[in-house]
Amino acid sequence: MNALSLHKKIEENTGLLIFGILLVSSIGGLVQILPMLGHDAMDPATENTRVYSAVELTGRDIYIREGCSVCHSQQIRPLIAEIERYGPYSRAGEFVYDRPFLWGSKRTGPDLQRVGGKFSDDWHRVHLVDPRAVVETSIMPGYPWLAKRDAIQAGKASTKLRALRRLGHPYTDEEIATADASLEGLKEIDALIAYLQMLGTGLSEDISI
């Protein structure tokens, strides 16, 4: 049977055609995936990347709950215009402890990947409550209720840390035991600010862009 007749037979037989498509797709997928499984860049975190503290993790949950990722991305592409505006492009190793990833593609507001340390805590506090008090042309809504709600009400931090440790995050017994206590006396806005101030700090300051 020559190649032409085999090709015709496969096209005329639905079962063979589906099998052929799945076979070729599987081979193509394996060729792309298998080499990456042993690639060093897929394993380690960047030099300064660490797990989120209980306060930062709570702030991240609040960030997700309030839909901040709908308007703000956390992924700087390796393009000159983005690097000049936001800073060094994002590396895979910065996100090893992110569950889920918050890369996003919608930028109604600026990318926040390098916002950590860019503004003071007080600036963030005012901005979150009344954005136009610090950025006159801002279209961001205010979140005044964050300054009234206790952070501990956002969820049991120790349970979250314990679950993440099962997934490979290196939390210690002490960190888990003190997680809930670290939220005592804090408002949700404090936790969210702690999270924002941590963003982008996993990349070494002297790394080349």
N, C-alpha and C. Protein backbone atom coordinates (compact mmCIF):
# COMPACT_ATOMS: atom_id res chain seq x y z
N MET A 1 0.87 -1.20 0.00
CA MET A 1 0.00 0.00 0.00
C MET A 1 0.90 1.24 0.00
N ASN A 2 0.72 2.07 -1.06
CA ASN A 2 1.55 3.27 -1.11
C ASN A 2 0.99 4.37 -0.20
N ALA A 3 1.77 5.43 -0.05
CA ALA A 3 1.41 6.51 0.86
C ALA A 3 0.09 7.17 0.47
N LEU A 4 -0.16 7.30 -0.84
CA LEU A 4 -1.38 7.98 -1.30
C LEU A 4 -2.63 7.19 -0.93
N SER A 5 -2.59 5.86 -1.16
CA SER A 5 -3.75 5.05 -0.82
C SER A 5 -3.97 4.96 0.69
N LEU A 6 -2.87 4.96 1.46
CA LEU A 6 -2.98 4.95 2.93
C LEU A 6 -3.62 6.24 3.42
N HIS A 7 -3.18 7.33 2.81
CA HIS A 7 -3.73 8.64 3.18
C HIS A 7 -5.22 8.70 2.88
N LYS A 8 -5.61 8.17 1.74
CA LYS A 8 -7.02 8.16 1.34
C LYS A 8 -7.85 7.29 2.29
N LYS A 9 -7.27 6.14 2.67
CA LYS A 9 -7.99 5.24 3.57
C LYS A 9 -8.22 5.89 4.93
N ILE A 10 -7.22 6.60 5.42
CA ILE A 10 -7.34 7.28 6.73
C ILE A 10 -8.40 8.37 6.65
N GLU A 11 -8.41 9.13 5.56
CA GLU A 11 -9.38 10.21 5.41
C GLU A 11 -10.81 9.68 5.32
N GLU A 12 -10.98 8.50 4.76
CA GLU A 12 -12.32 7.94 4.58
C GLU A 12 -12.82 7.20 5.81
N ASN A 13 -11.92 6.91 6.75
CA ASN A 13 -12.29 6.18 7.96
C ASN A 13 -12.22 7.13 9.15
N THR A 14 -13.37 7.50 9.70
CA THR A 14 -13.42 8.47 10.79
C THR A 14 -12.61 8.02 12.00
N GLY A 15 -12.72 6.75 12.35
CA GLY A 15 -11.99 6.23 13.51
C GLY A 15 -10.50 6.35 13.34
N LEU A 16 -9.99 5.95 12.15
CA LEU A 16 -8.55 6.06 11.88
C LEU A 16 -8.08 7.51 11.87
N LEU A 17 -8.92 8.38 11.32
CA LEU A 17 -8.56 9.79 11.26
C LEU A 17 -8.42 10.38 12.66
N ILE A 18 -9.37 10.07 13.53
CA ILE A 18 -9.31 10.57 14.91
C ILE A 18 -8.09 10.01 15.62
N PHE A 19 -7.83 8.70 15.43
CA PHE A 19 -6.66 8.08 16.05
C PHE A 19 -5.37 8.73 15.56
N GLY A 20 -5.30 9.00 14.28
CA GLY A 20 -4.11 9.63 13.71
C GLY A 20 -3.88 11.03 14.26
N ILE A 21 -4.97 11.79 14.38
CA ILE A 21 -4.86 13.15 14.92
C ILE A 21 -4.36 13.11 16.37
N LEU A 22 -4.94 12.21 17.17
CA LEU A 22 -4.52 12.09 18.57
C LEU A 22 -3.08 11.63 18.69
N LEU A 23 -2.67 10.70 17.82
CA LEU A 23 -1.31 10.20 17.86
C LEU A 23 -0.30 11.29 17.53
N VAL A 24 -0.54 12.00 16.45
CA VAL A 24 0.37 13.07 16.04
C VAL A 24 0.40 14.20 17.08
N SER A 25 -0.77 14.55 17.62
CA SER A 25 -0.83 15.61 18.65
C SER A 25 -0.07 15.19 19.90
N SER A 26 -0.20 13.93 20.29
CA SER A 26 0.50 13.42 21.47
C SER A 26 2.01 13.47 21.29
N ILE A 27 2.47 13.05 20.12
CA ILE A 27 3.91 13.08 19.85
C ILE A 27 4.43 14.52 19.88
N GLY A 28 3.67 15.42 19.25
CA GLY A 28 4.08 16.83 19.25
C GLY A 28 4.10 17.42 20.65
N GLY A 29 3.11 17.06 21.47
CA GLY A 29 3.07 17.54 22.84
C GLY A 29 4.23 17.03 23.67
N LEU A 30 4.54 15.74 23.53
CA LEU A 30 5.64 15.15 24.29
C LEU A 30 6.98 15.76 23.90
N VAL A 31 7.16 16.04 22.61
CA VAL A 31 8.41 16.64 22.14
C VAL A 31 8.62 18.01 22.79
N GLN A 32 7.54 18.74 23.04
CA GLN A 32 7.64 20.05 23.66
C GLN A 32 7.75 19.98 25.18
N ILE A 33 7.02 19.04 25.79
CA ILE A 33 6.93 19.01 27.25
C ILE A 33 8.08 18.28 27.92
N LEU A 34 8.45 17.11 27.41
CA LEU A 34 9.46 16.29 28.08
C LEU A 34 10.80 17.00 28.30
N PRO A 35 11.34 17.71 27.32
CA PRO A 35 12.62 18.40 27.58
C PRO A 35 12.54 19.44 28.68
N MET A 36 11.35 20.07 28.83
CA MET A 36 11.20 21.11 29.83
C MET A 36 11.13 20.56 31.24
N LEU A 37 10.73 19.30 31.39
CA LEU A 37 10.60 18.72 32.72
C LEU A 37 11.95 18.62 33.42
N GLY A 38 13.00 18.49 32.65
CA GLY A 38 14.32 18.39 33.25
C GLY A 38 15.12 19.66 33.13
N HIS A 39 14.46 20.72 32.71
CA HIS A 39 15.15 21.99 32.53
C HIS A 39 15.27 22.71 33.87
N ASP A 40 16.45 23.20 34.18
CA ASP A 40 16.70 23.84 35.48
C ASP A 40 15.81 25.05 35.71
N ALA A 41 15.49 25.78 34.64
CA ALA A 41 14.71 27.01 34.80
C ALA A 41 13.30 26.74 35.28
N MET A 42 12.83 25.48 35.18
CA MET A 42 11.47 25.16 35.60
C MET A 42 11.39 24.85 37.09
N ASP A 43 12.53 24.69 37.75
CA ASP A 43 12.53 24.24 39.14
C ASP A 43 12.73 25.34 40.17
N PRO A 44 13.86 26.06 40.16
CA PRO A 44 14.15 26.93 41.29
C PRO A 44 13.44 28.27 41.25
N ALA A 45 13.24 28.83 42.42
CA ALA A 45 12.73 30.19 42.53
C ALA A 45 13.89 31.14 42.24
N THR A 46 13.60 32.38 41.90
CA THR A 46 14.65 33.36 41.75
C THR A 46 15.29 33.62 43.10
N GLU A 47 16.42 34.28 43.10
CA GLU A 47 17.26 34.40 44.30
C GLU A 47 16.52 34.88 45.54
N ASN A 48 15.66 35.88 45.39
CA ASN A 48 14.99 36.47 46.55
C ASN A 48 13.53 36.06 46.70
N THR A 49 13.07 35.14 45.87
CA THR A 49 11.67 34.71 45.96
C THR A 49 11.45 33.86 47.21
N ARG A 50 10.39 34.13 47.92
CA ARG A 50 10.06 33.39 49.13
C ARG A 50 8.56 33.16 49.19
N VAL A 51 8.14 32.31 50.12
CA VAL A 51 6.70 32.10 50.29
C VAL A 51 6.08 33.35 50.91
N TYR A 52 4.79 33.51 50.68
CA TYR A 52 4.09 34.64 51.28
C TYR A 52 3.93 34.43 52.77
N SER A 53 4.08 35.50 53.54
CA SER A 53 3.78 35.42 54.96
C SER A 53 2.27 35.30 55.12
N ALA A 54 1.83 34.99 56.33
CA ALA A 54 0.39 34.85 56.58
C ALA A 54 -0.35 36.14 56.24
N VAL A 55 0.24 37.28 56.58
CA VAL A 55 -0.39 38.57 56.31
C VAL A 55 -0.43 38.83 54.81
N GLU A 56 0.68 38.58 54.11
CA GLU A 56 0.73 38.79 52.66
C GLU A 56 -0.22 37.85 51.93
N LEU A 57 -0.29 36.61 52.39
CA LEU A 57 -1.18 35.65 51.76
C LEU A 57 -2.65 36.05 51.94
N THR A 58 -2.97 36.56 53.11
CA THR A 58 -4.32 37.06 53.35
C THR A 58 -4.61 38.25 52.44
N GLY A 59 -3.62 39.13 52.31
CA GLY A 59 -3.77 40.28 51.42
C GLY A 59 -3.97 39.85 49.98
N ARG A 60 -3.29 38.80 49.59
CA ARG A 60 -3.45 38.27 48.22
C ARG A 60 -4.86 37.73 48.00
N ASP A 61 -5.39 37.06 49.01
CA ASP A 61 -6.76 36.55 48.92
C ASP A 61 -7.77 37.70 48.81
N ILE A 62 -7.49 38.78 49.53
CA ILE A 62 -8.36 39.96 49.45
C ILE A 62 -8.25 40.59 48.06
N TYR A 63 -7.05 40.65 47.53
CA TYR A 63 -6.79 41.17 46.19
C TYR A 63 -7.62 40.40 45.16
N ILE A 64 -7.64 39.08 45.29
CA ILE A 64 -8.42 38.24 44.38
C ILE A 64 -9.91 38.46 44.61
N ARG A 65 -10.32 38.48 45.88
CA ARG A 65 -11.73 38.64 46.21
C ARG A 65 -12.32 39.93 45.66
N GLU A 66 -11.55 41.00 45.74
CA GLU A 66 -12.04 42.31 45.30
C GLU A 66 -11.91 42.51 43.79
N GLY A 67 -11.39 41.51 43.08
CA GLY A 67 -11.32 41.59 41.63
C GLY A 67 -10.23 42.49 41.08
N CYS A 68 -9.19 42.72 41.86
CA CYS A 68 -8.11 43.61 41.42
C CYS A 68 -7.43 43.10 40.14
N SER A 69 -7.38 41.77 40.00
CA SER A 69 -6.71 41.18 38.85
C SER A 69 -7.50 41.36 37.56
N VAL A 70 -8.74 41.84 37.68
CA VAL A 70 -9.54 42.11 36.48
C VAL A 70 -8.98 43.32 35.72
N CYS A 71 -8.43 44.28 36.45
CA CYS A 71 -7.92 45.52 35.84
C CYS A 71 -6.40 45.62 35.85
N HIS A 72 -5.74 44.85 36.70
CA HIS A 72 -4.28 44.93 36.83
C HIS A 72 -3.64 43.59 36.49
N SER A 73 -2.69 43.60 35.58
CA SER A 73 -1.92 42.40 35.29
C SER A 73 -0.70 42.35 36.22
N GLN A 74 -0.07 41.19 36.26
CA GLN A 74 1.17 41.02 37.02
C GLN A 74 2.14 40.23 36.15
N GLN A 75 2.40 40.74 34.99
CA GLN A 75 3.28 40.06 34.05
C GLN A 75 3.86 41.09 33.08
N ILE A 76 5.12 41.42 33.28
CA ILE A 76 5.80 42.37 32.39
C ILE A 76 6.45 41.58 31.27
N ARG A 77 6.04 41.86 30.05
CA ARG A 77 6.56 41.14 28.90
C ARG A 77 7.96 41.64 28.55
N PRO A 78 8.77 40.81 27.89
CA PRO A 78 10.13 41.23 27.50
C PRO A 78 10.12 42.12 26.26
N LEU A 79 9.43 43.23 26.37
CA LEU A 79 9.35 44.22 25.30
C LEU A 79 9.91 45.53 25.82
N ILE A 80 10.62 46.26 24.97
CA ILE A 80 11.29 47.49 25.40
C ILE A 80 10.32 48.47 26.05
N ALA A 81 9.15 48.67 25.42
CA ALA A 81 8.18 49.63 25.95
C ALA A 81 7.72 49.24 27.35
N GLU A 82 7.52 47.94 27.59
CA GLU A 82 7.05 47.49 28.91
C GLU A 82 8.16 47.59 29.95
N ILE A 83 9.36 47.23 29.56
CA ILE A 83 10.49 47.30 30.49
C ILE A 83 10.77 48.73 30.90
N GLU A 84 10.68 49.65 29.95
CA GLU A 84 10.93 51.06 30.27
C GLU A 84 9.85 51.63 31.18
N ARG A 85 8.64 51.13 31.04
CA ARG A 85 7.54 51.66 31.86
C ARG A 85 7.44 51.00 33.23
N TYR A 86 7.58 49.66 33.25
CA TYR A 86 7.30 48.94 34.49
C TYR A 86 8.53 48.37 35.19
N GLY A 87 9.64 48.19 34.46
CA GLY A 87 10.83 47.61 35.09
C GLY A 87 11.18 46.28 34.45
N PRO A 88 12.13 45.54 35.04
CA PRO A 88 12.60 44.26 34.48
C PRO A 88 11.45 43.31 34.19
N TYR A 89 11.53 42.62 33.07
CA TYR A 89 10.46 41.71 32.69
C TYR A 89 10.34 40.55 33.68
N SER A 90 9.18 39.95 33.75
CA SER A 90 8.89 38.89 34.71
C SER A 90 9.63 37.61 34.37
N ARG A 91 10.14 36.93 35.43
CA ARG A 91 10.80 35.63 35.27
C ARG A 91 9.91 34.55 35.87
N ALA A 92 9.98 33.36 35.28
CA ALA A 92 9.14 32.24 35.75
C ALA A 92 9.39 31.95 37.23
N GLY A 93 10.64 32.06 37.68
CA GLY A 93 10.98 31.74 39.06
C GLY A 93 10.36 32.64 40.09
N GLU A 94 9.80 33.78 39.67
CA GLU A 94 9.15 34.69 40.61
C GLU A 94 7.78 34.20 41.04
N PHE A 95 7.24 33.24 40.30
CA PHE A 95 5.84 32.85 40.52
C PHE A 95 5.69 31.43 41.07
N VAL A 96 6.78 30.85 41.56
CA VAL A 96 6.71 29.45 41.98
C VAL A 96 5.77 29.24 43.16
N TYR A 97 5.50 30.28 43.95
CA TYR A 97 4.62 30.13 45.10
C TYR A 97 3.25 30.79 44.88
N ASP A 98 2.94 31.12 43.62
CA ASP A 98 1.65 31.74 43.31
C ASP A 98 0.62 30.67 42.95
N ARG A 99 -0.43 30.59 43.72
CA ARG A 99 -1.54 29.67 43.45
C ARG A 99 -2.84 30.42 43.71
N PRO A 100 -3.57 30.83 42.70
CA PRO A 100 -3.28 30.71 41.27
C PRO A 100 -2.39 31.84 40.79
N PHE A 101 -1.88 31.72 39.56
CA PHE A 101 -1.15 32.82 38.95
C PHE A 101 -2.12 33.97 38.69
N LEU A 102 -1.60 35.19 38.78
CA LEU A 102 -2.42 36.38 38.53
C LEU A 102 -1.81 37.21 37.40
N TRP A 103 -1.27 36.52 36.40
CA TRP A 103 -0.60 37.23 35.31
C TRP A 103 -1.52 38.22 34.63
N GLY A 104 -2.64 37.75 34.16
CA GLY A 104 -3.63 38.63 33.52
C GLY A 104 -3.19 39.16 32.17
N SER A 105 -4.13 39.75 31.47
CA SER A 105 -3.85 40.37 30.18
C SER A 105 -4.58 41.70 30.02
N LYS A 106 -5.43 42.03 30.98
CA LYS A 106 -6.23 43.26 30.93
C LYS A 106 -5.56 44.34 31.76
N ARG A 107 -5.32 45.50 31.17
CA ARG A 107 -4.67 46.58 31.89
C ARG A 107 -5.51 47.85 31.83
N THR A 108 -6.62 47.83 32.54
CA THR A 108 -7.35 49.07 32.74
C THR A 108 -6.52 49.97 33.64
N GLY A 109 -5.84 49.34 34.60
CA GLY A 109 -4.86 50.02 35.44
C GLY A 109 -3.48 49.49 35.10
N PRO A 110 -2.42 50.05 35.67
CA PRO A 110 -1.06 49.63 35.32
C PRO A 110 -0.72 48.22 35.83
N ASP A 111 0.28 47.62 35.22
CA ASP A 111 0.79 46.35 35.70
C ASP A 111 1.40 46.56 37.09
N LEU A 112 1.18 45.61 37.99
CA LEU A 112 1.63 45.76 39.38
C LEU A 112 2.80 44.85 39.75
N GLN A 113 3.40 44.20 38.76
CA GLN A 113 4.45 43.24 39.06
C GLN A 113 5.62 43.86 39.83
N ARG A 114 5.95 45.12 39.58
CA ARG A 114 7.08 45.77 40.26
C ARG A 114 6.63 46.90 41.20
N VAL A 115 5.39 46.82 41.70
CA VAL A 115 4.89 47.91 42.55
C VAL A 115 5.46 47.85 43.96
N GLY A 116 6.00 46.69 44.37
CA GLY A 116 6.53 46.55 45.73
C GLY A 116 7.63 47.56 46.04
N GLY A 117 7.44 48.38 47.05
CA GLY A 117 8.43 49.37 47.46
C GLY A 117 8.41 50.65 46.66
N LYS A 118 7.55 50.72 45.65
CA LYS A 118 7.50 51.91 44.79
C LYS A 118 6.83 53.08 45.51
N PHE A 119 5.82 52.75 46.33
CA PHE A 119 5.09 53.77 47.09
C PHE A 119 5.10 53.38 48.57
N SER A 120 4.86 54.36 49.43
CA SER A 120 4.83 54.10 50.87
C SER A 120 3.51 53.43 51.25
N ASP A 121 3.50 52.85 52.45
CA ASP A 121 2.26 52.25 52.96
C ASP A 121 1.14 53.29 53.06
N ASP A 122 1.51 54.50 53.49
CA ASP A 122 0.51 55.56 53.64
C ASP A 122 -0.09 55.93 52.29
N TRP A 123 0.75 55.95 51.24
CA TRP A 123 0.25 56.27 49.90
C TRP A 123 -0.77 55.22 49.48
N HIS A 124 -0.44 53.96 49.68
CA HIS A 124 -1.36 52.88 49.31
C HIS A 124 -2.67 52.98 50.10
N ARG A 125 -2.54 53.34 51.37
CA ARG A 125 -3.74 53.42 52.22
C ARG A 125 -4.71 54.47 51.69
N VAL A 126 -4.18 55.65 51.37
CA VAL A 126 -5.01 56.71 50.83
C VAL A 126 -5.56 56.32 49.46
N HIS A 127 -4.71 55.73 48.64
CA HIS A 127 -5.09 55.36 47.28
C HIS A 127 -6.20 54.32 47.26
N LEU A 128 -6.14 53.36 48.16
CA LEU A 128 -7.15 52.31 48.20
C LEU A 128 -8.50 52.84 48.68
N VAL A 129 -8.47 53.79 49.61
CA VAL A 129 -9.71 54.35 50.15
C VAL A 129 -10.32 55.38 49.18
N ASP A 130 -9.45 56.24 48.63
CA ASP A 130 -9.91 57.30 47.72
C ASP A 130 -8.84 57.53 46.66
N PRO A 131 -8.87 56.77 45.57
CA PRO A 131 -7.82 56.85 44.55
C PRO A 131 -7.55 58.26 44.03
N ARG A 132 -8.60 59.06 43.85
CA ARG A 132 -8.42 60.38 43.27
C ARG A 132 -7.77 61.38 44.22
N ALA A 133 -7.60 60.98 45.46
CA ALA A 133 -6.90 61.86 46.41
C ALA A 133 -5.40 61.91 46.10
N VAL A 134 -4.89 60.88 45.43
CA VAL A 134 -3.47 60.86 45.09
C VAL A 134 -3.22 60.82 43.58
N VAL A 135 -4.20 60.34 42.82
CA VAL A 135 -4.09 60.33 41.36
C VAL A 135 -5.38 60.94 40.82
N GLU A 136 -5.30 62.19 40.47
CA GLU A 136 -6.50 62.96 40.13
C GLU A 136 -7.31 62.36 38.99
N THR A 137 -6.63 61.76 38.02
CA THR A 137 -7.32 61.23 36.84
C THR A 137 -7.67 59.75 36.96
N SER A 138 -7.47 59.17 38.13
CA SER A 138 -7.72 57.74 38.31
C SER A 138 -9.19 57.38 38.10
N ILE A 139 -9.42 56.23 37.46
CA ILE A 139 -10.79 55.72 37.29
C ILE A 139 -11.03 54.51 38.20
N MET A 140 -10.06 54.24 39.06
CA MET A 140 -10.17 53.11 39.98
C MET A 140 -11.21 53.40 41.06
N PRO A 141 -12.06 52.44 41.38
CA PRO A 141 -13.02 52.66 42.47
C PRO A 141 -12.33 52.63 43.82
N GLY A 142 -12.93 53.27 44.81
CA GLY A 142 -12.38 53.24 46.15
C GLY A 142 -12.82 51.99 46.89
N TYR A 143 -12.03 51.59 47.89
CA TYR A 143 -12.34 50.40 48.69
C TYR A 143 -12.29 50.76 50.18
N PRO A 144 -13.14 51.71 50.61
CA PRO A 144 -13.08 52.18 52.00
C PRO A 144 -13.39 51.10 53.03
N TRP A 145 -14.18 50.09 52.64
CA TRP A 145 -14.54 49.04 53.60
C TRP A 145 -13.33 48.21 54.05
N LEU A 146 -12.27 48.22 53.26
CA LEU A 146 -11.08 47.45 53.65
C LEU A 146 -10.45 48.01 54.92
N ALA A 147 -10.65 49.29 55.17
CA ALA A 147 -10.08 49.92 56.36
C ALA A 147 -10.93 49.66 57.60
N LYS A 148 -12.09 49.03 57.43
CA LYS A 148 -13.00 48.78 58.54
C LYS A 148 -13.06 47.31 58.93
N ARG A 149 -12.79 46.41 58.00
CA ARG A 149 -12.90 44.98 58.27
C ARG A 149 -11.61 44.44 58.87
N ASP A 150 -11.74 43.56 59.84
CA ASP A 150 -10.58 42.91 60.45
C ASP A 150 -10.00 41.88 59.48
N ALA A 151 -8.68 41.89 59.36
CA ALA A 151 -8.02 40.99 58.41
C ALA A 151 -8.27 39.53 58.73
N ILE A 152 -8.39 39.23 60.00
CA ILE A 152 -8.55 37.83 60.42
C ILE A 152 -9.87 37.25 59.91
N GLN A 153 -10.82 38.12 59.57
CA GLN A 153 -12.11 37.66 59.05
C GLN A 153 -12.01 37.18 57.60
N ALA A 154 -10.89 37.47 56.94
CA ALA A 154 -10.72 37.08 55.54
C ALA A 154 -10.45 35.59 55.37
N GLY A 155 -10.30 34.88 56.48
CA GLY A 155 -10.07 33.43 56.40
C GLY A 155 -8.99 32.99 57.36
N LYS A 156 -9.00 31.74 57.75
CA LYS A 156 -8.06 31.20 58.72
C LYS A 156 -6.71 30.99 58.05
N ALA A 157 -5.76 31.83 58.37
CA ALA A 157 -4.45 31.81 57.70
C ALA A 157 -3.70 30.51 57.94
N SER A 158 -3.79 29.98 59.15
CA SER A 158 -3.04 28.76 59.47
C SER A 158 -3.50 27.59 58.59
N THR A 159 -4.78 27.53 58.31
CA THR A 159 -5.32 26.46 57.46
C THR A 159 -4.77 26.60 56.04
N LYS A 160 -4.68 27.83 55.55
CA LYS A 160 -4.14 28.07 54.21
C LYS A 160 -2.67 27.66 54.11
N LEU A 161 -1.89 28.05 55.12
CA LEU A 161 -0.46 27.71 55.11
C LEU A 161 -0.25 26.20 55.19
N ARG A 162 -1.07 25.56 55.99
CA ARG A 162 -0.96 24.10 56.13
C ARG A 162 -1.27 23.40 54.81
N ALA A 163 -2.29 23.89 54.12
CA ALA A 163 -2.65 23.30 52.82
C ALA A 163 -1.56 23.55 51.79
N LEU A 164 -0.99 24.75 51.79
CA LEU A 164 0.07 25.06 50.83
C LEU A 164 1.34 24.26 51.10
N ARG A 165 1.59 23.95 52.36
CA ARG A 165 2.77 23.13 52.67
C ARG A 165 2.63 21.74 52.06
N ARG A 166 1.42 21.23 52.03
CA ARG A 166 1.19 19.92 51.40
C ARG A 166 1.49 19.98 49.90
N LEU A 167 1.39 21.18 49.33
CA LEU A 167 1.66 21.35 47.90
C LEU A 167 3.11 21.69 47.62
N GLY A 168 3.94 21.71 48.69
CA GLY A 168 5.36 21.93 48.49
C GLY A 168 5.90 23.28 48.93
N HIS A 169 5.05 24.16 49.47
CA HIS A 169 5.54 25.44 49.94
C HIS A 169 6.24 25.24 51.30
N PRO A 170 7.46 25.74 51.45
CA PRO A 170 8.26 25.42 52.64
C PRO A 170 7.91 26.22 53.90
N TYR A 171 6.69 26.11 54.35
CA TYR A 171 6.30 26.76 55.61
C TYR A 171 6.74 25.89 56.78
N THR A 172 7.22 26.54 57.83
CA THR A 172 7.65 25.82 59.02
C THR A 172 6.47 25.65 59.98
N ASP A 173 6.65 24.77 60.96
CA ASP A 173 5.60 24.57 61.97
C ASP A 173 5.34 25.87 62.73
N GLU A 174 6.41 26.62 62.99
CA GLU A 174 6.27 27.88 63.73
C GLU A 174 5.47 28.90 62.93
N GLU A 175 5.75 29.00 61.64
CA GLU A 175 5.01 29.94 60.79
C GLU A 175 3.53 29.60 60.75
N ILE A 176 3.22 28.33 60.71
CA ILE A 176 1.82 27.91 60.68
C ILE A 176 1.15 28.18 62.03
N ALA A 177 1.88 27.90 63.10
CA ALA A 177 1.33 28.08 64.45
C ALA A 177 1.05 29.54 64.78
N THR A 178 1.85 30.45 64.24
CA THR A 178 1.70 31.88 64.55
C THR A 178 0.94 32.65 63.48
N ALA A 179 0.46 31.94 62.45
CA ALA A 179 -0.18 32.61 61.31
C ALA A 179 -1.39 33.43 61.72
N ASP A 180 -2.30 32.84 62.47
CA ASP A 180 -3.53 33.54 62.85
C ASP A 180 -3.22 34.72 63.77
N ALA A 181 -2.28 34.53 64.68
CA ALA A 181 -1.93 35.60 65.62
C ALA A 181 -1.33 36.81 64.91
N SER A 182 -0.65 36.58 63.77
CA SER A 182 -0.01 37.68 63.06
C SER A 182 -1.03 38.63 62.42
N LEU A 183 -2.28 38.19 62.35
CA LEU A 183 -3.33 39.02 61.77
C LEU A 183 -4.11 39.82 62.82
N GLU A 184 -3.86 39.50 64.07
CA GLU A 184 -4.57 40.19 65.15
C GLU A 184 -4.29 41.69 65.11
N GLY A 185 -5.36 42.49 65.18
CA GLY A 185 -5.22 43.94 65.21
C GLY A 185 -5.06 44.59 63.85
N LEU A 186 -4.97 43.78 62.79
CA LEU A 186 -4.81 44.33 61.45
C LEU A 186 -6.15 44.41 60.73
N LYS A 187 -6.28 45.39 59.88
CA LYS A 187 -7.45 45.51 59.02
C LYS A 187 -7.12 44.89 57.66
N GLU A 188 -8.16 44.65 56.88
CA GLU A 188 -7.93 44.05 55.56
C GLU A 188 -7.03 44.92 54.70
N ILE A 189 -7.14 46.23 54.86
CA ILE A 189 -6.31 47.13 54.06
C ILE A 189 -4.83 46.95 54.39
N ASP A 190 -4.52 46.63 55.65
CA ASP A 190 -3.13 46.41 56.05
C ASP A 190 -2.56 45.17 55.37
N ALA A 191 -3.37 44.11 55.31
CA ALA A 191 -2.93 42.88 54.68
C ALA A 191 -2.75 43.07 53.17
N LEU A 192 -3.66 43.80 52.55
CA LEU A 192 -3.55 44.04 51.12
C LEU A 192 -2.31 44.87 50.80
N ILE A 193 -2.03 45.85 51.61
CA ILE A 193 -0.83 46.67 51.41
C ILE A 193 0.43 45.83 51.56
N ALA A 194 0.44 44.93 52.54
CA ALA A 194 1.59 44.04 52.73
C ALA A 194 1.83 43.20 51.48
N TYR A 195 0.75 42.74 50.88
CA TYR A 195 0.87 41.95 49.65
C TYR A 195 1.41 42.80 48.51
N LEU A 196 0.87 44.00 48.34
CA LEU A 196 1.33 44.88 47.27
C LEU A 196 2.80 45.24 47.42
N GLN A 197 3.23 45.43 48.66
CA GLN A 197 4.62 45.82 48.90
C GLN A 197 5.59 44.67 48.66
N MET A 198 5.07 43.45 48.56
CA MET A 198 5.93 42.30 48.30
C MET A 198 6.07 42.01 46.81
N LEU A 199 5.16 42.53 46.01
CA LEU A 199 5.14 42.22 44.58
C LEU A 199 6.42 42.67 43.88
N GLY A 200 7.03 41.74 43.18
CA GLY A 200 8.22 42.06 42.39
C GLY A 200 9.52 42.07 43.15
N THR A 201 9.48 41.81 44.44
CA THR A 201 10.70 41.87 45.24
C THR A 201 11.50 40.57 45.19
N GLY A 202 11.00 39.58 44.48
CA GLY A 202 11.74 38.32 44.37
C GLY A 202 12.85 38.37 43.35
N LEU A 203 12.95 39.46 42.63
CA LEU A 203 13.99 39.61 41.61
C LEU A 203 15.12 40.43 42.16
N SER A 204 16.35 39.95 41.96
CA SER A 204 17.54 40.65 42.46
C SER A 204 17.59 42.05 41.85
N GLU A 205 17.96 43.04 42.67
CA GLU A 205 17.97 44.43 42.23
C GLU A 205 18.97 44.69 41.10
N ASP A 206 20.06 43.93 41.07
CA ASP A 206 21.09 44.20 40.08
C ASP A 206 20.98 43.34 38.83
N ILE A 207 19.82 42.65 38.68
CA ILE A 207 19.68 41.78 37.52
C ILE A 207 19.54 42.60 36.26
N SER A 208 20.10 42.10 35.19
CA SER A 208 20.04 42.80 33.91
C SER A 208 18.65 42.74 33.34
N ILE A 209 18.20 43.82 32.69
CA ILE A 209 16.90 43.84 32.02
C ILE A 209 17.07 43.55 30.53
